[in-house]
C-alpha atoms as a PDB file:
ATOM      1  CA  MET A   1     -20.381  16.732  -5.232  1.00  0.00           C
ATOM      2  CA  LYS A   2     -20.902  18.419  -1.889  1.00  0.00           C
ATOM      3  CA  LYS A   3     -18.795  18.932   1.210  1.00  0.00           C
ATOM      4  CA  ALA A   4     -18.879  16.065   3.697  1.00  0.00           C
ATOM      5  CA  ALA A   5     -21.713  16.086   6.207  1.00  0.00           C
ATOM      6  CA  TRP A   6     -19.557  15.391   9.264  1.00  0.00           C
ATOM      7  CA  ASN A   7     -22.568  15.213  11.584  1.00  0.00           C
ATOM      8  CA  HIS A   8     -23.224  11.915   9.748  1.00  0.00           C
ATOM      9  CA  TRP A   9     -19.724  10.646   8.958  1.00  0.00           C
ATOM     10  CA  SER A  10     -18.188  11.337  12.383  1.00  0.00           C
ATOM     11  CA  GLN A  11     -20.640   8.788  13.807  1.00  0.00           C
ATOM     12  CA  MET A  12     -19.873   6.082  11.242  1.00  0.00           C
ATOM     13  CA  ARG A  13     -17.610   3.259  12.438  1.00  0.00           C
ATOM     14  CA  THR A  14     -16.604   2.074   8.968  1.00  0.00           C
ATOM     15  CA  ALA A  15     -16.647   3.335   5.391  1.00  0.00           C
ATOM     16  CA  ARG A  16     -15.565   1.899   2.073  1.00  0.00           C
ATOM     17  CA  LEU A  17     -11.998   2.716   1.116  1.00  0.00           C
ATOM     18  CA  TRP A  18     -13.017   5.032  -1.712  1.00  0.00           C
ATOM     19  CA  GLU A  19     -15.418   6.810   0.666  1.00  0.00           C
ATOM     20  CA  CYS A  20     -12.595   7.283   3.193  1.00  0.00           C
ATOM     21  CA  VAL A  21     -10.429   8.817   0.476  1.00  0.00           C
ATOM     22  CA  ALA A  22     -13.264  11.113  -0.632  1.00  0.00           C
ATOM     23  CA  LEU A  23     -13.795  12.203   2.974  1.00  0.00           C
ATOM     24  CA  SER A  24     -10.090  12.994   3.298  1.00  0.00           C
ATOM     25  CA  LEU A  25     -10.773  15.631   0.623  1.00  0.00           C
ATOM     26  CA  ASN A  26     -13.946  16.790   2.417  1.00  0.00           C
ATOM     27  CA  ILE A  27     -16.102  15.295  -0.367  1.00  0.00           C
ATOM     28  CA  ASP A  28     -19.332  13.631   0.776  1.00  0.00           C
ATOM     29  CA  PRO A  29     -19.396  10.167  -0.860  1.00  0.00           C
ATOM     30  CA  ARG A  30     -23.188  10.175  -0.738  1.00  0.00           C
ATOM     31  CA  THR A  31     -23.249  12.999  -3.313  1.00  0.00           C
ATOM     32  CA  THR A  32     -20.996  11.392  -5.915  1.00  0.00           C
ATOM     33  CA  SER A  33     -19.770   7.986  -7.112  1.00  0.00           C
ATOM     34  CA  LEU A  34     -16.498   6.133  -7.423  1.00  0.00           C
ATOM     35  CA  GLU A  35     -16.984   6.026 -11.193  1.00  0.00           C
ATOM     36  CA  PHE A  36     -17.293   9.819 -11.415  1.00  0.00           C
ATOM     37  CA  LEU A  37     -14.276  10.444  -9.187  1.00  0.00           C
ATOM     38  CA  LYS A  38     -12.118   7.962 -11.115  1.00  0.00           C
ATOM     39  CA  SER A  39     -13.159   9.063 -14.607  1.00  0.00           C
ATOM     40  CA  ARG A  40     -10.209  10.481 -16.523  1.00  0.00           C
ATOM     41  CA  PRO A  41     -10.877  13.889 -18.033  1.00  0.00           C
ATOM     42  CA  HIS A  42     -10.594  14.437 -21.773  1.00  0.00           C
ATOM     43  CA  SER A  43      -8.935  17.468 -23.312  1.00  0.00           C
ATOM     44  CA  TYR A  44     -12.335  19.116 -23.735  1.00  0.00           C
ATOM     45  CA  ASP A  45     -13.113  18.587 -20.032  1.00  0.00           C
ATOM     46  CA  LEU A  46     -10.492  21.013 -18.738  1.00  0.00           C
ATOM     47  CA  ASP A  47     -13.100  23.549 -17.630  1.00  0.00           C
ATOM     48  CA  ARG A  48     -15.347  20.977 -15.967  1.00  0.00           C
ATOM     49  CA  PRO A  49     -15.922  21.345 -12.217  1.00  0.00           C
ATOM     50  CA  PHE A  50     -14.033  19.328  -9.617  1.00  0.00           C
ATOM     51  CA  LEU A  51     -11.162  18.487 -11.964  1.00  0.00           C
ATOM     52  CA  ARG A  52      -8.499  19.185  -9.319  1.00  0.00           C
ATOM     53  CA  GLU A  53     -10.414  17.240  -6.635  1.00  0.00           C
ATOM     54  CA  ARG A  54     -10.827  14.248  -8.960  1.00  0.00           C
ATOM     55  CA  ALA A  55      -7.110  14.203  -9.789  1.00  0.00           C
ATOM     56  CA  GLU A  56      -6.200  14.376  -6.089  1.00  0.00           C
ATOM     57  CA  PHE A  57      -8.769  11.663  -5.299  1.00  0.00           C
ATOM     58  CA  GLN A  58      -7.235   9.341  -7.900  1.00  0.00           C
ATOM     59  CA  SER A  59      -3.753   9.927  -6.502  1.00  0.00           C
ATOM     60  CA  ARG A  60      -4.801   9.308  -2.908  1.00  0.00           C
ATOM     61  CA  LEU A  61      -6.803   6.203  -3.828  1.00  0.00           C
ATOM     62  CA  ASP A  62      -3.800   4.733  -5.668  1.00  0.00           C
ATOM     63  CA  ILE A  63      -1.597   5.379  -2.613  1.00  0.00           C
ATOM     64  CA  ALA A  64      -4.151   3.866  -0.211  1.00  0.00           C
ATOM     65  CA  LEU A  65      -4.551   0.759  -2.393  1.00  0.00           C
ATOM     66  CA  SER A  66      -0.778   0.258  -2.474  1.00  0.00           C
ATOM     67  CA  HIS A  67      -0.683   0.310   1.354  1.00  0.00           C
ATOM     68  CA  ASP A  68      -3.868  -1.745   1.885  1.00  0.00           C
ATOM     69  CA  GLY A  69      -3.081  -4.510   4.394  1.00  0.00           C
ATOM     70  CA  HIS A  70       0.559  -3.428   4.813  1.00  0.00           C
ATOM     71  CA  HIS A  71       0.031  -0.948   7.640  1.00  0.00           C
ATOM     72  CA  PRO A  72      -1.589  -1.647  11.042  1.00  0.00           C
ATOM     73  CA  LEU A  73      -3.974   1.282  10.570  1.00  0.00           C
ATOM     74  CA  LEU A  74      -4.961   0.167   7.071  1.00  0.00           C
ATOM     75  CA  GLU A  75      -6.300  -3.323   7.767  1.00  0.00           C
ATOM     76  CA  PRO A  76      -9.765  -3.871   6.233  1.00  0.00           C
ATOM     77  CA  ASP A  77     -12.692  -4.579   8.515  1.00  0.00           C
ATOM     78  CA  HIS A  78     -14.408  -6.386   5.627  1.00  0.00           C
ATOM     79  CA  ARG A  79     -12.612  -7.154   2.367  1.00  0.00           C
ATOM     80  CA  TYR A  80     -14.444  -7.307  -0.949  1.00  0.00           C
ATOM     81  CA  PRO A  81     -13.167  -8.469  -4.364  1.00  0.00           C
ATOM     82  CA  SER A  82     -13.277  -4.863  -5.597  1.00  0.00           C
ATOM     83  CA  GLU A  83     -10.663  -3.363  -3.249  1.00  0.00           C
ATOM     84  CA  PRO A  84     -11.960   0.239  -3.264  1.00  0.00           C
ATOM     85  CA  HIS A  85     -15.215  -1.157  -1.833  1.00  0.00           C
ATOM     86  CA  SER A  86     -13.561  -2.932   1.122  1.00  0.00           C
ATOM     87  CA  GLU A  87     -14.604  -1.444   4.460  1.00  0.00           C
ATOM     88  CA  PHE A  88     -12.148   0.222   6.839  1.00  0.00           C
ATOM     89  CA  ARG A  89     -12.504   1.780  10.267  1.00  0.00           C
ATOM     90  CA  LEU A  90     -12.889   5.447   9.496  1.00  0.00           C
ATOM     91  CA  ALA A  91     -10.894   6.678  12.513  1.00  0.00           C
ATOM     92  CA  GLU A  92      -7.970   4.364  11.701  1.00  0.00           C
ATOM     93  CA  PHE A  93      -7.981   5.484   8.068  1.00  0.00           C
ATOM     94  CA  ALA A  94      -7.946   9.102   9.286  1.00  0.00           C
ATOM     95  CA  ALA A  95      -4.882   8.384  11.464  1.00  0.00           C
ATOM     96  CA  TRP A  96      -3.181   6.640   8.530  1.00  0.00           C
ATOM     97  CA  ALA A  97      -3.925   9.599   6.213  1.00  0.00           C
ATOM     98  CA  ARG A  98      -2.553  11.997   8.811  1.00  0.00           C
ATOM     99  CA  SER A  99       0.642   9.913   9.091  1.00  0.00           C
ATOM    100  CA  PHE A 100       1.175  10.718   5.399  1.00  0.00           C
ATOM    101  CA  ASN A 101       0.790  14.428   6.147  1.00  0.00           C
ATOM    102  CA  TRP A 102      -2.213  14.656   3.860  1.00  0.00           C
ATOM    103  CA  PRO A 103      -4.200  17.834   4.389  1.00  0.00           C
ATOM    104  CA  ILE A 104      -7.483  16.551   5.833  1.00  0.00           C
ATOM    105  CA  PRO A 105     -10.583  18.281   7.216  1.00  0.00           C
ATOM    106  CA  HIS A 106     -10.372  19.128  10.923  1.00  0.00           C
ATOM    107  CA  GLU A 107     -13.339  16.789  11.573  1.00  0.00           C
ATOM    108  CA  MET A 108     -11.313  13.918  10.145  1.00  0.00           C
ATOM    109  CA  ALA A 109      -8.285  15.032  12.180  1.00  0.00           C
ATOM    110  CA  GLU A 110     -10.447  14.664  15.312  1.00  0.00           C
ATOM    111  CA  LEU A 111     -11.279  11.091  14.282  1.00  0.00           C
ATOM    112  CA  ALA A 112      -7.555  10.467  13.746  1.00  0.00           C
ATOM    113  CA  GLU A 113      -6.791  11.650  17.285  1.00  0.00           C
ATOM    114  CA  SER A 114      -9.225   9.124  18.755  1.00  0.00           C
ATOM    115  CA  ALA A 115      -7.542   6.283  16.818  1.00  0.00           C
ATOM    116  CA  GLU A 116      -4.064   7.494  17.787  1.00  0.00           C
ATOM    117  CA  LYS A 117      -5.034   7.559  21.479  1.00  0.00           C
ATOM    118  CA  ALA A 118      -6.367   4.007  21.216  1.00  0.00           C
ATOM    119  CA  GLU A 119      -3.162   2.876  19.485  1.00  0.00           C
ATOM    120  CA  ALA A 120      -1.060   4.539  22.198  1.00  0.00           C
ATOM    121  CA  LYS A 121      -2.940   2.564  24.863  1.00  0.00           C
ATOM    122  CA  VAL A 122      -2.192  -0.658  22.983  1.00  0.00           C
ATOM    123  CA  ASP A 123       1.482   0.300  22.688  1.00  0.00           C
ATOM    124  CA  GLN A 124       1.661   0.868  26.453  1.00  0.00           C
ATOM    125  CA  GLY A 125       0.636  -2.744  26.947  1.00  0.00           C
ATOM    126  CA  ALA A 126       3.031  -4.060  24.305  1.00  0.00           C
ATOM    127  CA  LEU A 127       4.350  -7.551  24.849  1.00  0.00           C
ATOM    128  CA  HIS A 128       7.924  -8.372  25.744  1.00  0.00           C
ATOM    129  CA  PRO A 129       9.603 -10.041  22.701  1.00  0.00           C
ATOM    130  CA  ARG A 130       9.774 -13.383  24.543  1.00  0.00           C
ATOM    131  CA  GLU A 131       6.058 -13.234  25.373  1.00  0.00           C
ATOM    132  CA  ARG A 132       5.255 -12.356  21.755  1.00  0.00           C
ATOM    133  CA  ASP A 133       7.311 -15.296  20.464  1.00  0.00           C
ATOM    134  CA  THR A 134       5.504 -17.616  22.884  1.00  0.00           C
ATOM    135  CA  LEU A 135       2.121 -16.413  21.617  1.00  0.00           C
ATOM    136  CA  LEU A 136       3.228 -16.890  18.003  1.00  0.00           C
ATOM    137  CA  LYS A 137       4.326 -20.452  18.876  1.00  0.00           C
ATOM    138  CA  LEU A 138       0.873 -21.119  20.322  1.00  0.00           C
ATOM    139  CA  VAL A 139      -0.828 -19.658  17.241  1.00  0.00           C
ATOM    140  CA  ILE A 140       1.145 -21.660  14.673  1.00  0.00           C
ATOM    141  CA  GLY A 141       1.122 -24.831  16.790  1.00  0.00           C
ATOM    142  CA  MET A 142      -2.660 -24.846  17.237  1.00  0.00           C
ATOM    143  CA  ALA A 143      -3.270 -23.962  13.570  1.00  0.00           C
ATOM    144  CA  MET A 144      -1.024 -26.779  12.346  1.00  0.00           C
ATOM    145  CA  ASP A 145      -2.385 -29.348  14.799  1.00  0.00           C
ATOM    146  CA  SER A 146      -6.093 -28.545  14.932  1.00  0.00           C
ATOM    147  CA  TYR A 147      -6.612 -27.150  11.430  1.00  0.00           C
ATOM    148  CA  ARG A 148      -3.856 -29.019   9.568  1.00  0.00           C
ATOM    149  CA  TYR A 149      -2.467 -25.662   8.467  1.00  0.00           C
ATOM    150  CA  ASP A 150       0.397 -25.966   5.977  1.00  0.00           C
ATOM    151  CA  PRO A 151       2.549 -22.802   6.051  1.00  0.00           C
ATOM    152  CA  ALA A 152       4.093 -23.764   2.690  1.00  0.00           C
ATOM    153  CA  ALA A 153       0.738 -23.914   0.878  1.00  0.00           C
ATOM    154  CA  PRO A 154       0.372 -21.016  -1.608  1.00  0.00           C
ATOM    155  CA  ARG A 155      -3.279 -20.353  -0.665  1.00  0.00           C
ATOM    156  CA  SER A 156      -4.892 -21.931   2.389  1.00  0.00           C
ATOM    157  CA  LYS A 157      -8.541 -22.078   3.434  1.00  0.00           C
ATOM    158  CA  VAL A 158      -7.492 -22.373   7.090  1.00  0.00           C
ATOM    159  CA  PRO A 159      -7.555 -18.609   7.868  1.00  0.00           C
ATOM    160  CA  ALA A 160     -11.174 -18.408   6.693  1.00  0.00           C
ATOM    161  CA  GLN A 161     -12.041 -21.525   8.761  1.00  0.00           C
ATOM    162  CA  ILE A 162     -10.435 -20.034  11.885  1.00  0.00           C
ATOM    163  CA  ALA A 163     -12.217 -16.696  11.333  1.00  0.00           C
ATOM    164  CA  ALA A 164     -15.541 -18.531  10.896  1.00  0.00           C
ATOM    165  CA  ASP A 165     -15.009 -20.596  14.072  1.00  0.00           C
ATOM    166  CA  LEU A 166     -14.134 -17.451  16.045  1.00  0.00           C
ATOM    167  CA  GLU A 167     -17.271 -15.749  14.682  1.00  0.00           C
ATOM    168  CA  LYS A 168     -19.347 -18.630  16.135  1.00  0.00           C
ATOM    169  CA  LYS A 169     -17.878 -17.721  19.531  1.00  0.00           C
ATOM    170  CA  GLY A 170     -18.740 -14.048  19.077  1.00  0.00           C
ATOM    171  CA  ILE A 171     -15.148 -13.046  18.270  1.00  0.00           C
ATOM    172  CA  THR A 172     -14.817 -11.010  15.068  1.00  0.00           C
ATOM    173  CA  VAL A 173     -11.510 -11.306  13.231  1.00  0.00           C
ATOM    174  CA  THR A 174     -11.112 -11.087   9.449  1.00  0.00           C
ATOM    175  CA  ASP A 175      -9.508 -13.983   7.610  1.00  0.00           C
ATOM    176  CA  ASP A 176      -6.924 -11.489   6.286  1.00  0.00           C
ATOM    177  CA  THR A 177      -5.895 -10.738   9.869  1.00  0.00           C
ATOM    178  CA  VAL A 178      -5.698 -14.459  10.695  1.00  0.00           C
ATOM    179  CA  ARG A 179      -3.627 -15.026   7.535  1.00  0.00           C
ATOM    180  CA  LYS A 180      -1.254 -12.193   8.468  1.00  0.00           C
ATOM    181  CA  TRP A 181      -0.605 -13.599  11.968  1.00  0.00           C
ATOM    182  CA  LEU A 182      -0.215 -17.177  10.744  1.00  0.00           C
ATOM    183  CA  LYS A 183       2.333 -15.984   8.188  1.00  0.00           C
ATOM    184  CA  GLN A 184       4.171 -13.977  10.837  1.00  0.00           C
ATOM    185  CA  ALA A 185       4.094 -16.901  13.271  1.00  0.00           C
ATOM    186  CA  ALA A 186       5.432 -19.308  10.626  1.00  0.00           C
ATOM    187  CA  GLU A 187       8.256 -16.932   9.681  1.00  0.00           C
ATOM    188  CA  THR A 188       9.188 -16.286  13.315  1.00  0.00           C
ATOM    189  CA  VAL A 189       8.813 -19.744  14.824  1.00  0.00           C
ATOM    190  CA  LEU A 190       9.401 -22.387  12.171  1.00  0.00           C
ATOM    191  CA  PRO A 191      12.950 -23.203  11.101  1.00  0.00           C
ATOM    192  CA  ALA A 192      13.870 -22.009   7.615  1.00  0.00           C
ATOM    193  CA  LYS A 193      14.150 -24.786   5.061  1.00  0.00           C
ATOM    194  CA  PRO A 194      17.680 -25.187   3.719  1.00  0.00           C
ATOM    195  CA  GLN A 195      18.230 -23.863   0.210  1.00  0.00           C
ATOM    196  CA  LYS A 196      18.709 -26.502  -2.494  1.00  0.00           C
ATOM    197  CA  PRO A 197      22.206 -26.392  -4.047  1.00  0.00           C
END
């Protein structure tokens, strides 16, 4: 393992989740592997190098996986079946890591600042609650009418269909993001079904 080559990583838009975690510890992912970082040491390994870094990596990866998709800065750009391999925007991950007060390299802190400035600009243009509700009504109404979206279905293919149709128009949105907004729209707009006695 070597220290991160920030002349390379500071120019990367995305990185796999495990790579982001490694970078938060100033470890260059190109000089190691997820398998090595996750391998649990045996009693006879106590003098092996990088033991402390590997333990901290495992802890941070567990924390990141538990927050994956539940924080606006930790939304995957591309999701893969093996979650540590899903791709995230590196600057947004850096801002998320900093929000947890993790000690991170100053190069990563600079990336975090760029994401925080972008988020502040979005916040300045935040919608009035009534405008937001209107947009959510439009979202759920169009999904139910045009895509026959059923909010009660346990797993729907509609988010992937919407994401694919948007991609054809040159608009990139992940199906996870579409699913999140459809769920939020359904919970906000649609009347709750009465509980059965």
